[in-house]
Amino acid sequence: MSAVRIIIIAKEPRPGLAKTRLIPALGTQGAAELADQLLHHVVSQALAADLGPVELCVTPDQDADYWRHWRDNDRIELTEQCDGDLGKRMATAAQRGLASGLPVMLIGTDCPQLEAPRLKTMAAALTQQDACLCPVLDGGYSLLGLRRFDSLLFSDIPWSTDQVMALTRDRLRQLGWRWHESEPLWDLDEPEDLARLQQHYSRLCLTTAKTLR
């Protein structure tokens, strides 16, 4: 299998900054604790996939004490997100990663189903395609893999809406690229998603179980 650079787009799980849509259900501290668990989960799965470099591209400050654990890990490259909307930040990370000579897979931290076997499957598909995606049930995507770059995939997209995946497919068709999609996955954005998390990922549910009792 060809090597792939996994780029994790991550936000520091500070109370009041992380998983804000879950605050009504979990409170600011509970939402931040769950965000921390999800981040550790996705980093561990990216490392377990053993596909190539793992880059943790963070905001708002890579020098914050929270990131010290990962700065000391020689298997992880810690970088900082640029300013701008999500599209600009993803585009900058993707372009920089592709310039290193490897295909890239951009992933977030909200989809527990992005585990090592799935990451390997998507990387294998990317060896035959220009792009690969993991759609999520809310109309977005949780993984975007690229063998080449075009800003069309990132500009003028209404991020965090149910139009993201459909518009991305349209852009890929405009470019004439071939791509692979996984089956739709689920991610964790809204309070109603917490029941699914408790059912399928009990090891990530310490915060939610404690808060929802």
N, C-alpha and C. Protein backbone atom coordinates (compact mmCIF):
# COMPACT_ATOMS: atom_id res chain seq x y z
N MET A 1 0.84 -1.19 0.00
CA MET A 1 0.00 0.00 0.00
C MET A 1 0.88 1.24 0.00
N SER A 2 0.54 2.22 -0.84
CA SER A 2 1.30 3.45 -0.89
C SER A 2 1.10 4.25 0.39
N ALA A 3 2.14 4.98 0.78
CA ALA A 3 2.05 5.81 1.98
C ALA A 3 1.10 6.97 1.75
N VAL A 4 0.44 7.40 2.81
CA VAL A 4 -0.48 8.52 2.79
C VAL A 4 -0.20 9.38 4.03
N ARG A 5 -0.23 10.69 3.86
CA ARG A 5 -0.14 11.59 5.01
C ARG A 5 -1.54 11.82 5.55
N ILE A 6 -1.77 11.46 6.81
CA ILE A 6 -3.04 11.74 7.47
C ILE A 6 -2.92 13.07 8.18
N ILE A 7 -3.81 14.00 7.84
CA ILE A 7 -3.82 15.33 8.47
C ILE A 7 -5.10 15.45 9.29
N ILE A 8 -4.93 15.56 10.60
CA ILE A 8 -6.07 15.68 11.51
C ILE A 8 -6.31 17.16 11.78
N ILE A 9 -7.46 17.66 11.37
CA ILE A 9 -7.83 19.06 11.60
C ILE A 9 -8.50 19.12 12.98
N ALA A 10 -7.82 19.77 13.94
CA ALA A 10 -8.25 19.66 15.33
C ALA A 10 -8.32 21.03 16.00
N LYS A 11 -9.26 21.13 16.92
CA LYS A 11 -9.43 22.33 17.74
C LYS A 11 -9.12 21.95 19.20
N GLU A 12 -8.38 22.81 19.88
CA GLU A 12 -8.11 22.54 21.29
C GLU A 12 -9.43 22.43 22.06
N PRO A 13 -9.60 21.36 22.84
CA PRO A 13 -10.88 21.16 23.54
C PRO A 13 -11.00 22.01 24.81
N ARG A 14 -11.04 23.31 24.62
CA ARG A 14 -11.24 24.22 25.74
C ARG A 14 -12.74 24.33 26.05
N PRO A 15 -13.11 24.41 27.32
CA PRO A 15 -14.52 24.64 27.66
C PRO A 15 -15.04 25.94 27.02
N GLY A 16 -16.17 25.81 26.35
CA GLY A 16 -16.75 26.96 25.68
C GLY A 16 -16.29 27.14 24.26
N LEU A 17 -15.23 26.42 23.85
CA LEU A 17 -14.70 26.52 22.48
C LEU A 17 -15.00 25.26 21.68
N ALA A 18 -14.99 24.11 22.36
CA ALA A 18 -15.12 22.82 21.66
C ALA A 18 -16.53 22.25 21.80
N LYS A 19 -17.01 21.63 20.72
CA LYS A 19 -18.30 20.94 20.69
C LYS A 19 -19.42 21.80 21.29
N THR A 20 -19.51 23.03 20.82
CA THR A 20 -20.45 23.98 21.42
C THR A 20 -21.90 23.57 21.23
N ARG A 21 -22.21 22.84 20.16
CA ARG A 21 -23.60 22.42 19.96
C ARG A 21 -24.02 21.34 20.96
N LEU A 22 -23.05 20.73 21.65
CA LEU A 22 -23.37 19.74 22.67
C LEU A 22 -23.48 20.34 24.07
N ILE A 23 -23.17 21.62 24.20
CA ILE A 23 -23.19 22.25 25.52
C ILE A 23 -24.57 22.17 26.17
N PRO A 24 -25.69 22.35 25.43
CA PRO A 24 -26.99 22.22 26.09
C PRO A 24 -27.20 20.86 26.77
N ALA A 25 -26.59 19.81 26.23
CA ALA A 25 -26.75 18.48 26.81
C ALA A 25 -25.68 18.15 27.85
N LEU A 26 -24.46 18.63 27.62
CA LEU A 26 -23.33 18.20 28.44
C LEU A 26 -22.74 19.28 29.32
N GLY A 27 -23.08 20.55 29.06
CA GLY A 27 -22.41 21.65 29.74
C GLY A 27 -21.07 21.94 29.08
N THR A 28 -20.49 23.08 29.40
CA THR A 28 -19.24 23.46 28.74
C THR A 28 -18.10 22.50 29.08
N GLN A 29 -17.99 22.10 30.34
CA GLN A 29 -16.91 21.21 30.73
C GLN A 29 -17.10 19.81 30.14
N GLY A 30 -18.33 19.31 30.19
CA GLY A 30 -18.59 17.99 29.64
C GLY A 30 -18.34 17.93 28.15
N ALA A 31 -18.74 18.97 27.42
CA ALA A 31 -18.50 19.00 25.98
C ALA A 31 -17.01 19.02 25.68
N ALA A 32 -16.26 19.77 26.47
CA ALA A 32 -14.81 19.83 26.27
C ALA A 32 -14.15 18.49 26.58
N GLU A 33 -14.61 17.81 27.62
CA GLU A 33 -14.05 16.51 27.97
C GLU A 33 -14.33 15.48 26.87
N LEU A 34 -15.53 15.53 26.31
CA LEU A 34 -15.83 14.61 25.22
C LEU A 34 -14.98 14.93 23.99
N ALA A 35 -14.80 16.21 23.69
CA ALA A 35 -13.94 16.60 22.57
C ALA A 35 -12.52 16.08 22.77
N ASP A 36 -12.04 16.12 23.99
CA ASP A 36 -10.71 15.60 24.30
C ASP A 36 -10.64 14.09 24.05
N GLN A 37 -11.67 13.36 24.47
CA GLN A 37 -11.71 11.91 24.23
C GLN A 37 -11.73 11.59 22.74
N LEU A 38 -12.54 12.34 21.99
CA LEU A 38 -12.63 12.11 20.55
C LEU A 38 -11.29 12.39 19.86
N LEU A 39 -10.61 13.44 20.29
CA LEU A 39 -9.31 13.77 19.71
C LEU A 39 -8.30 12.66 19.98
N HIS A 40 -8.24 12.18 21.23
CA HIS A 40 -7.31 11.09 21.53
C HIS A 40 -7.66 9.85 20.71
N HIS A 41 -8.95 9.58 20.54
CA HIS A 41 -9.37 8.42 19.77
C HIS A 41 -8.88 8.51 18.33
N VAL A 42 -9.10 9.63 17.67
CA VAL A 42 -8.74 9.72 16.26
C VAL A 42 -7.23 9.71 16.08
N VAL A 43 -6.48 10.31 16.99
CA VAL A 43 -5.02 10.27 16.88
C VAL A 43 -4.53 8.83 17.03
N SER A 44 -5.07 8.10 18.00
CA SER A 44 -4.64 6.72 18.20
C SER A 44 -4.95 5.86 16.99
N GLN A 45 -6.10 6.09 16.34
CA GLN A 45 -6.47 5.30 15.16
C GLN A 45 -5.59 5.66 13.96
N ALA A 46 -5.28 6.94 13.81
CA ALA A 46 -4.39 7.34 12.71
C ALA A 46 -3.01 6.72 12.87
N LEU A 47 -2.51 6.68 14.09
CA LEU A 47 -1.21 6.05 14.32
C LEU A 47 -1.28 4.54 14.11
N ALA A 48 -2.37 3.93 14.57
CA ALA A 48 -2.52 2.48 14.41
C ALA A 48 -2.63 2.07 12.95
N ALA A 49 -3.18 2.93 12.11
CA ALA A 49 -3.29 2.60 10.68
C ALA A 49 -1.92 2.46 10.04
N ASP A 50 -0.93 3.18 10.54
CA ASP A 50 0.46 3.05 10.10
C ASP A 50 0.59 3.22 8.58
N LEU A 51 0.00 4.29 8.08
CA LEU A 51 -0.01 4.54 6.64
C LEU A 51 1.10 5.50 6.20
N GLY A 52 1.69 6.21 7.15
CA GLY A 52 2.69 7.22 6.82
C GLY A 52 2.66 8.30 7.88
N PRO A 53 3.10 9.50 7.54
CA PRO A 53 3.13 10.58 8.53
C PRO A 53 1.74 10.92 9.05
N VAL A 54 1.67 11.25 10.33
CA VAL A 54 0.44 11.74 10.94
C VAL A 54 0.69 13.18 11.38
N GLU A 55 -0.09 14.10 10.82
CA GLU A 55 0.05 15.52 11.11
C GLU A 55 -1.16 15.98 11.90
N LEU A 56 -0.92 16.62 13.02
CA LEU A 56 -1.98 17.19 13.83
C LEU A 56 -1.96 18.69 13.60
N CYS A 57 -2.95 19.16 12.83
CA CYS A 57 -3.01 20.57 12.41
C CYS A 57 -4.04 21.27 13.30
N VAL A 58 -3.57 22.15 14.19
CA VAL A 58 -4.37 22.56 15.33
C VAL A 58 -4.69 24.05 15.32
N THR A 59 -5.69 24.39 16.11
CA THR A 59 -6.08 25.77 16.38
C THR A 59 -6.57 25.83 17.82
N PRO A 60 -6.45 26.94 18.54
CA PRO A 60 -5.97 28.23 18.04
C PRO A 60 -4.47 28.46 18.22
N ASP A 61 -3.75 27.63 18.97
CA ASP A 61 -2.35 27.93 19.27
C ASP A 61 -1.59 26.63 19.51
N GLN A 62 -0.69 26.29 18.58
CA GLN A 62 0.05 25.04 18.72
C GLN A 62 1.03 25.05 19.90
N ASP A 63 1.32 26.23 20.44
CA ASP A 63 2.24 26.31 21.58
C ASP A 63 1.53 26.22 22.92
N ALA A 64 0.21 26.06 22.91
CA ALA A 64 -0.53 25.94 24.16
C ALA A 64 -0.10 24.68 24.91
N ASP A 65 -0.20 24.72 26.24
CA ASP A 65 0.22 23.58 27.06
C ASP A 65 -0.51 22.30 26.69
N TYR A 66 -1.77 22.43 26.24
CA TYR A 66 -2.54 21.23 25.93
C TYR A 66 -1.83 20.33 24.92
N TRP A 67 -1.11 20.92 23.98
CA TRP A 67 -0.51 20.15 22.89
C TRP A 67 0.86 19.57 23.25
N ARG A 68 1.32 19.80 24.48
CA ARG A 68 2.66 19.35 24.86
C ARG A 68 2.83 17.84 24.67
N HIS A 69 1.81 17.08 25.03
CA HIS A 69 1.87 15.62 24.91
C HIS A 69 2.21 15.20 23.48
N TRP A 70 1.59 15.87 22.50
CA TRP A 70 1.81 15.51 21.11
C TRP A 70 3.10 16.11 20.55
N ARG A 71 3.50 17.25 21.09
CA ARG A 71 4.79 17.82 20.65
C ARG A 71 5.93 16.87 20.99
N ASP A 72 5.79 16.11 22.07
CA ASP A 72 6.84 15.20 22.52
C ASP A 72 6.77 13.83 21.86
N ASN A 73 5.79 13.62 20.98
CA ASN A 73 5.62 12.34 20.31
C ASN A 73 6.29 12.41 18.94
N ASP A 74 7.34 11.62 18.75
CA ASP A 74 8.09 11.72 17.49
C ASP A 74 7.36 11.08 16.31
N ARG A 75 6.17 10.51 16.54
CA ARG A 75 5.38 9.95 15.44
C ARG A 75 4.36 10.95 14.91
N ILE A 76 4.30 12.12 15.52
CA ILE A 76 3.30 13.11 15.15
C ILE A 76 3.98 14.42 14.79
N GLU A 77 3.54 15.02 13.69
CA GLU A 77 3.98 16.36 13.31
C GLU A 77 2.90 17.35 13.73
N LEU A 78 3.27 18.32 14.55
CA LEU A 78 2.31 19.30 15.03
C LEU A 78 2.44 20.58 14.20
N THR A 79 1.35 21.00 13.57
CA THR A 79 1.33 22.24 12.79
C THR A 79 0.14 23.07 13.23
N GLU A 80 0.10 24.31 12.79
CA GLU A 80 -0.97 25.22 13.19
C GLU A 80 -1.83 25.59 11.98
N GLN A 81 -3.14 25.64 12.19
CA GLN A 81 -4.04 26.03 11.12
C GLN A 81 -3.86 27.51 10.79
N CYS A 82 -4.04 27.84 9.52
CA CYS A 82 -3.99 29.24 9.12
C CYS A 82 -5.29 29.93 9.51
N ASP A 83 -5.34 31.24 9.34
CA ASP A 83 -6.57 31.98 9.56
C ASP A 83 -7.52 31.75 8.38
N GLY A 84 -8.79 32.03 8.60
CA GLY A 84 -9.78 31.89 7.53
C GLY A 84 -10.84 30.87 7.88
N ASP A 85 -11.78 30.67 6.96
CA ASP A 85 -12.85 29.71 7.21
C ASP A 85 -12.30 28.29 7.10
N LEU A 86 -13.17 27.32 7.37
CA LEU A 86 -12.74 25.92 7.36
C LEU A 86 -12.16 25.54 6.00
N GLY A 87 -12.78 26.01 4.92
CA GLY A 87 -12.26 25.69 3.59
C GLY A 87 -10.84 26.16 3.39
N LYS A 88 -10.56 27.39 3.79
CA LYS A 88 -9.20 27.93 3.65
C LYS A 88 -8.21 27.13 4.48
N ARG A 89 -8.61 26.77 5.70
CA ARG A 89 -7.71 26.03 6.58
C ARG A 89 -7.44 24.63 6.05
N MET A 90 -8.49 23.97 5.54
CA MET A 90 -8.29 22.65 4.96
C MET A 90 -7.46 22.72 3.68
N ALA A 91 -7.75 23.69 2.84
CA ALA A 91 -7.02 23.83 1.58
C ALA A 91 -5.53 24.06 1.84
N THR A 92 -5.22 24.92 2.79
CA THR A 92 -3.81 25.21 3.09
C THR A 92 -3.11 23.96 3.60
N ALA A 93 -3.77 23.21 4.49
CA ALA A 93 -3.17 21.99 5.02
C ALA A 93 -2.99 20.94 3.91
N ALA A 94 -4.00 20.79 3.05
CA ALA A 94 -3.91 19.80 1.97
C ALA A 94 -2.80 20.15 0.99
N GLN A 95 -2.73 21.41 0.60
CA GLN A 95 -1.72 21.82 -0.37
C GLN A 95 -0.32 21.63 0.19
N ARG A 96 -0.15 21.99 1.45
CA ARG A 96 1.15 21.81 2.10
C ARG A 96 1.51 20.33 2.19
N GLY A 97 0.52 19.50 2.55
CA GLY A 97 0.78 18.07 2.66
C GLY A 97 1.12 17.44 1.33
N LEU A 98 0.40 17.79 0.29
CA LEU A 98 0.68 17.24 -1.04
C LEU A 98 2.05 17.67 -1.54
N ALA A 99 2.49 18.86 -1.15
CA ALA A 99 3.82 19.34 -1.57
C ALA A 99 4.94 18.49 -0.99
N SER A 100 4.63 17.72 0.07
CA SER A 100 5.65 16.85 0.66
C SER A 100 5.87 15.59 -0.18
N GLY A 101 5.00 15.38 -1.18
CA GLY A 101 5.20 14.25 -2.09
C GLY A 101 4.31 13.06 -1.85
N LEU A 102 3.38 13.17 -0.90
CA LEU A 102 2.48 12.06 -0.60
C LEU A 102 1.03 12.49 -0.81
N PRO A 103 0.15 11.54 -1.15
CA PRO A 103 -1.29 11.83 -1.08
C PRO A 103 -1.66 12.18 0.36
N VAL A 104 -2.76 12.87 0.54
CA VAL A 104 -3.20 13.26 1.88
C VAL A 104 -4.61 12.76 2.14
N MET A 105 -4.90 12.52 3.41
CA MET A 105 -6.28 12.30 3.86
C MET A 105 -6.52 13.28 5.00
N LEU A 106 -7.46 14.19 4.79
CA LEU A 106 -7.87 15.15 5.80
C LEU A 106 -9.01 14.55 6.61
N ILE A 107 -8.88 14.55 7.93
CA ILE A 107 -9.95 14.03 8.77
C ILE A 107 -10.16 14.99 9.94
N GLY A 108 -11.38 14.95 10.48
CA GLY A 108 -11.67 15.71 11.67
C GLY A 108 -11.64 14.80 12.89
N THR A 109 -12.25 15.25 13.97
CA THR A 109 -12.25 14.48 15.20
C THR A 109 -13.66 14.07 15.64
N ASP A 110 -14.66 14.33 14.82
CA ASP A 110 -16.05 14.15 15.23
C ASP A 110 -16.65 12.80 14.84
N CYS A 111 -15.90 11.96 14.13
CA CYS A 111 -16.47 10.71 13.61
C CYS A 111 -15.71 9.52 14.21
N PRO A 112 -16.23 8.90 15.27
CA PRO A 112 -15.54 7.76 15.87
C PRO A 112 -15.35 6.58 14.93
N GLN A 113 -16.15 6.51 13.87
CA GLN A 113 -16.04 5.38 12.93
C GLN A 113 -14.79 5.44 12.06
N LEU A 114 -14.05 6.53 12.11
CA LEU A 114 -12.80 6.60 11.36
C LEU A 114 -11.71 5.87 12.13
N GLU A 115 -11.83 4.57 12.18
CA GLU A 115 -10.85 3.75 12.88
C GLU A 115 -9.83 3.19 11.89
N ALA A 116 -8.78 2.60 12.42
CA ALA A 116 -7.63 2.20 11.59
C ALA A 116 -8.01 1.35 10.38
N PRO A 117 -8.86 0.33 10.50
CA PRO A 117 -9.19 -0.47 9.30
C PRO A 117 -9.86 0.37 8.21
N ARG A 118 -10.73 1.29 8.60
CA ARG A 118 -11.38 2.12 7.59
C ARG A 118 -10.38 3.08 6.94
N LEU A 119 -9.48 3.62 7.73
CA LEU A 119 -8.45 4.50 7.17
C LEU A 119 -7.60 3.75 6.15
N LYS A 120 -7.28 2.49 6.45
CA LYS A 120 -6.51 1.69 5.50
C LYS A 120 -7.30 1.44 4.22
N THR A 121 -8.59 1.15 4.36
CA THR A 121 -9.44 0.92 3.19
C THR A 121 -9.50 2.16 2.30
N MET A 122 -9.66 3.32 2.91
CA MET A 122 -9.73 4.55 2.13
C MET A 122 -8.39 4.87 1.48
N ALA A 123 -7.30 4.61 2.17
CA ALA A 123 -5.98 4.83 1.57
C ALA A 123 -5.75 3.92 0.38
N ALA A 124 -6.21 2.67 0.49
CA ALA A 124 -6.07 1.74 -0.64
C ALA A 124 -6.87 2.22 -1.83
N ALA A 125 -8.09 2.72 -1.59
CA ALA A 125 -8.91 3.24 -2.68
C ALA A 125 -8.24 4.44 -3.34
N LEU A 126 -7.56 5.23 -2.55
CA LEU A 126 -6.93 6.44 -3.08
C LEU A 126 -5.78 6.13 -4.04
N THR A 127 -5.22 4.92 -3.97
CA THR A 127 -4.16 4.57 -4.91
C THR A 127 -4.69 4.47 -6.34
N GLN A 128 -6.01 4.29 -6.50
CA GLN A 128 -6.62 4.12 -7.82
C GLN A 128 -7.47 5.30 -8.25
N GLN A 129 -7.65 6.28 -7.36
CA GLN A 129 -8.58 7.37 -7.62
C GLN A 129 -7.89 8.71 -7.39
N ASP A 130 -8.52 9.77 -7.89
CA ASP A 130 -8.00 11.11 -7.62
C ASP A 130 -8.36 11.60 -6.23
N ALA A 131 -9.47 11.09 -5.69
CA ALA A 131 -9.94 11.53 -4.38
C ALA A 131 -10.74 10.40 -3.74
N CYS A 132 -10.94 10.52 -2.44
CA CYS A 132 -11.83 9.61 -1.73
C CYS A 132 -12.52 10.39 -0.63
N LEU A 133 -13.73 9.95 -0.27
CA LEU A 133 -14.52 10.65 0.74
C LEU A 133 -15.28 9.67 1.60
N CYS A 134 -15.47 10.05 2.87
CA CYS A 134 -16.40 9.37 3.77
C CYS A 134 -17.55 10.32 4.05
N PRO A 135 -18.69 10.15 3.38
CA PRO A 135 -19.85 11.00 3.67
C PRO A 135 -20.36 10.73 5.08
N VAL A 136 -21.03 11.71 5.67
CA VAL A 136 -21.72 11.51 6.94
C VAL A 136 -23.19 11.82 6.77
N LEU A 137 -23.99 11.28 7.67
CA LEU A 137 -25.44 11.30 7.51
C LEU A 137 -26.04 12.70 7.51
N ASP A 138 -25.32 13.67 8.07
CA ASP A 138 -25.88 15.02 8.12
C ASP A 138 -25.61 15.83 6.86
N GLY A 139 -25.01 15.20 5.84
CA GLY A 139 -24.79 15.89 4.57
C GLY A 139 -23.38 16.42 4.37
N GLY A 140 -22.52 16.21 5.33
CA GLY A 140 -21.12 16.60 5.18
C GLY A 140 -20.23 15.42 4.88
N TYR A 141 -18.95 15.54 5.20
CA TYR A 141 -18.05 14.40 5.11
C TYR A 141 -17.06 14.46 6.26
N SER A 142 -16.53 13.27 6.61
CA SER A 142 -15.59 13.18 7.73
C SER A 142 -14.17 12.91 7.26
N LEU A 143 -13.99 12.57 6.00
CA LEU A 143 -12.66 12.30 5.44
C LEU A 143 -12.64 12.74 3.99
N LEU A 144 -11.58 13.43 3.61
CA LEU A 144 -11.34 13.80 2.22
C LEU A 144 -9.91 13.42 1.88
N GLY A 145 -9.75 12.50 0.95
CA GLY A 145 -8.42 12.09 0.50
C GLY A 145 -8.16 12.67 -0.89
N LEU A 146 -6.93 13.11 -1.12
CA LEU A 146 -6.56 13.74 -2.38
C LEU A 146 -5.19 13.28 -2.86
N ARG A 147 -5.11 13.03 -4.16
CA ARG A 147 -3.81 12.80 -4.79
C ARG A 147 -3.30 14.06 -5.48
N ARG A 148 -4.18 15.03 -5.69
CA ARG A 148 -3.80 16.31 -6.27
C ARG A 148 -4.70 17.39 -5.71
N PHE A 149 -4.34 18.63 -5.98
CA PHE A 149 -5.02 19.75 -5.33
C PHE A 149 -5.76 20.60 -6.33
N ASP A 150 -6.94 21.07 -5.94
CA ASP A 150 -7.63 22.13 -6.65
C ASP A 150 -8.46 22.91 -5.65
N SER A 151 -8.32 24.22 -5.66
CA SER A 151 -9.02 25.06 -4.69
C SER A 151 -10.53 25.01 -4.85
N LEU A 152 -11.03 24.53 -6.00
CA LEU A 152 -12.47 24.45 -6.23
C LEU A 152 -13.17 23.61 -5.16
N LEU A 153 -12.46 22.65 -4.60
CA LEU A 153 -13.06 21.77 -3.61
C LEU A 153 -13.25 22.45 -2.25
N PHE A 154 -12.69 23.64 -2.09
CA PHE A 154 -12.69 24.27 -0.77
C PHE A 154 -13.32 25.66 -0.75
N SER A 155 -13.51 26.26 -1.90
CA SER A 155 -13.99 27.64 -1.91
C SER A 155 -15.50 27.71 -2.11
N ASP A 156 -16.11 28.71 -1.45
CA ASP A 156 -17.55 28.96 -1.57
C ASP A 156 -18.39 27.73 -1.23
N ILE A 157 -17.99 27.05 -0.16
CA ILE A 157 -18.76 25.91 0.36
C ILE A 157 -19.42 26.37 1.67
N PRO A 158 -20.72 26.15 1.84
CA PRO A 158 -21.36 26.51 3.11
C PRO A 158 -21.08 25.45 4.17
N TRP A 159 -19.93 25.54 4.79
CA TRP A 159 -19.49 24.54 5.75
C TRP A 159 -20.48 24.39 6.90
N SER A 160 -20.52 23.19 7.46
CA SER A 160 -21.42 22.85 8.58
C SER A 160 -22.89 22.92 8.17
N THR A 161 -23.16 22.65 6.90
CA THR A 161 -24.54 22.53 6.43
C THR A 161 -24.71 21.19 5.73
N ASP A 162 -25.97 20.86 5.40
CA ASP A 162 -26.23 19.59 4.73
C ASP A 162 -25.94 19.64 3.23
N GLN A 163 -25.36 20.74 2.75
CA GLN A 163 -25.03 20.86 1.33
C GLN A 163 -23.59 20.48 1.00
N VAL A 164 -22.77 20.25 2.02
CA VAL A 164 -21.33 20.12 1.80
C VAL A 164 -20.99 18.94 0.88
N MET A 165 -21.52 17.77 1.18
CA MET A 165 -21.16 16.59 0.39
C MET A 165 -21.67 16.71 -1.04
N ALA A 166 -22.91 17.15 -1.21
CA ALA A 166 -23.47 17.27 -2.56
C ALA A 166 -22.68 18.26 -3.40
N LEU A 167 -22.30 19.39 -2.81
CA LEU A 167 -21.51 20.38 -3.55
C LEU A 167 -20.12 19.85 -3.87
N THR A 168 -19.55 19.09 -2.95
CA THR A 168 -18.23 18.52 -3.20
C THR A 168 -18.29 17.52 -4.36
N ARG A 169 -19.33 16.71 -4.41
CA ARG A 169 -19.50 15.81 -5.56
C ARG A 169 -19.60 16.61 -6.86
N ASP A 170 -20.38 17.70 -6.85
CA ASP A 170 -20.52 18.54 -8.04
C ASP A 170 -19.16 19.08 -8.48
N ARG A 171 -18.35 19.53 -7.51
CA ARG A 171 -17.03 20.09 -7.84
C ARG A 171 -16.12 19.01 -8.42
N LEU A 172 -16.18 17.81 -7.87
CA LEU A 172 -15.36 16.72 -8.41
C LEU A 172 -15.76 16.40 -9.85
N ARG A 173 -17.06 16.44 -10.12
CA ARG A 173 -17.53 16.21 -11.50
C ARG A 173 -17.02 17.32 -12.42
N GLN A 174 -17.08 18.56 -11.95
CA GLN A 174 -16.57 19.67 -12.76
C GLN A 174 -15.10 19.49 -13.10
N LEU A 175 -14.34 18.98 -12.15
CA LEU A 175 -12.91 18.76 -12.38
C LEU A 175 -12.64 17.55 -13.25
N GLY A 176 -13.62 16.69 -13.42
CA GLY A 176 -13.42 15.46 -14.18
C GLY A 176 -12.59 14.44 -13.43
N TRP A 177 -12.60 14.52 -12.09
CA TRP A 177 -11.82 13.58 -11.28
C TRP A 177 -12.63 12.32 -10.99
N ARG A 178 -11.91 11.24 -10.76
CA ARG A 178 -12.50 9.99 -10.30
C ARG A 178 -12.36 9.94 -8.78
N TRP A 179 -13.42 9.44 -8.10
CA TRP A 179 -13.32 9.37 -6.65
C TRP A 179 -14.06 8.15 -6.12
N HIS A 180 -13.69 7.78 -4.91
CA HIS A 180 -14.31 6.66 -4.20
C HIS A 180 -15.00 7.20 -2.96
N GLU A 181 -16.19 6.66 -2.66
CA GLU A 181 -16.90 7.01 -1.43
C GLU A 181 -17.13 5.77 -0.58
N SER A 182 -17.01 5.93 0.73
CA SER A 182 -17.44 4.88 1.65
C SER A 182 -18.96 4.95 1.80
N GLU A 183 -19.51 4.00 2.53
CA GLU A 183 -20.91 4.11 2.93
C GLU A 183 -21.04 5.30 3.88
N PRO A 184 -22.23 5.87 4.02
CA PRO A 184 -22.40 7.01 4.94
C PRO A 184 -22.09 6.61 6.38
N LEU A 185 -21.35 7.47 7.06
CA LEU A 185 -21.02 7.28 8.46
C LEU A 185 -21.83 8.28 9.29
N TRP A 186 -21.66 8.25 10.59
CA TRP A 186 -22.30 9.26 11.44
C TRP A 186 -21.21 9.98 12.22
N ASP A 187 -21.48 11.23 12.51
CA ASP A 187 -20.55 11.98 13.33
C ASP A 187 -21.30 12.56 14.53
N LEU A 188 -20.58 13.25 15.36
CA LEU A 188 -21.10 13.67 16.64
C LEU A 188 -21.13 15.19 16.69
N ASP A 189 -22.29 15.76 16.40
CA ASP A 189 -22.44 17.21 16.37
C ASP A 189 -23.56 17.72 17.27
N GLU A 190 -24.66 17.00 17.28
CA GLU A 190 -25.86 17.48 17.96
C GLU A 190 -26.19 16.59 19.17
N PRO A 191 -26.93 17.11 20.15
CA PRO A 191 -27.28 16.29 21.33
C PRO A 191 -27.91 14.95 20.99
N GLU A 192 -28.71 14.89 19.92
CA GLU A 192 -29.34 13.61 19.58
C GLU A 192 -28.34 12.56 19.12
N ASP A 193 -27.13 12.97 18.76
CA ASP A 193 -26.10 12.01 18.36
C ASP A 193 -25.50 11.27 19.55
N LEU A 194 -25.72 11.75 20.75
CA LEU A 194 -25.07 11.16 21.92
C LEU A 194 -25.58 9.75 22.21
N ALA A 195 -26.84 9.47 21.92
CA ALA A 195 -27.37 8.13 22.17
C ALA A 195 -26.65 7.11 21.31
N ARG A 196 -26.38 7.45 20.07
CA ARG A 196 -25.65 6.55 19.17
C ARG A 196 -24.23 6.32 19.68
N LEU A 197 -23.60 7.38 20.17
CA LEU A 197 -22.26 7.24 20.73
C LEU A 197 -22.26 6.28 21.91
N GLN A 198 -23.23 6.43 22.80
CA GLN A 198 -23.29 5.55 23.97
C GLN A 198 -23.54 4.10 23.57
N GLN A 199 -24.30 3.89 22.52
CA GLN A 199 -24.63 2.54 22.08
C GLN A 199 -23.44 1.84 21.46
N HIS A 200 -22.66 2.55 20.66
CA HIS A 200 -21.63 1.90 19.85
C HIS A 200 -20.20 2.12 20.35
N TYR A 201 -19.98 3.16 21.13
CA TYR A 201 -18.62 3.48 21.55
C TYR A 201 -18.60 3.76 23.04
N SER A 202 -18.90 2.72 23.83
CA SER A 202 -19.02 2.91 25.26
C SER A 202 -17.73 3.41 25.89
N ARG A 203 -16.58 3.06 25.29
CA ARG A 203 -15.31 3.51 25.88
C ARG A 203 -15.11 5.01 25.73
N LEU A 204 -15.88 5.64 24.83
CA LEU A 204 -15.80 7.09 24.68
C LEU A 204 -16.93 7.80 25.42
N CYS A 205 -17.65 7.08 26.23
CA CYS A 205 -18.89 7.63 26.78
C CYS A 205 -18.81 7.96 28.26
N LEU A 206 -17.63 7.99 28.84
CA LEU A 206 -17.55 8.28 30.26
C LEU A 206 -18.17 9.64 30.56
N THR A 207 -17.85 10.63 29.73
CA THR A 207 -18.37 11.97 29.95
C THR A 207 -19.89 12.00 29.76
N THR A 208 -20.37 11.42 28.68
CA THR A 208 -21.81 11.51 28.39
C THR A 208 -22.61 10.70 29.40
N ALA A 209 -22.12 9.53 29.76
CA ALA A 209 -22.87 8.71 30.72
C ALA A 209 -22.98 9.43 32.05
N LYS A 210 -21.90 10.04 32.48
CA LYS A 210 -21.89 10.73 33.77
C LYS A 210 -22.82 11.94 33.72
N THR A 211 -22.85 12.64 32.57
CA THR A 211 -23.60 13.88 32.49
C THR A 211 -25.08 13.63 32.25
N LEU A 212 -25.41 12.56 31.53
CA LEU A 212 -26.80 12.33 31.14
C LEU A 212 -27.59 11.48 32.14
N ARG A 213 -26.96 11.04 33.21
CA ARG A 213 -27.69 10.25 34.20
C ARG A 213 -28.88 11.02 34.76
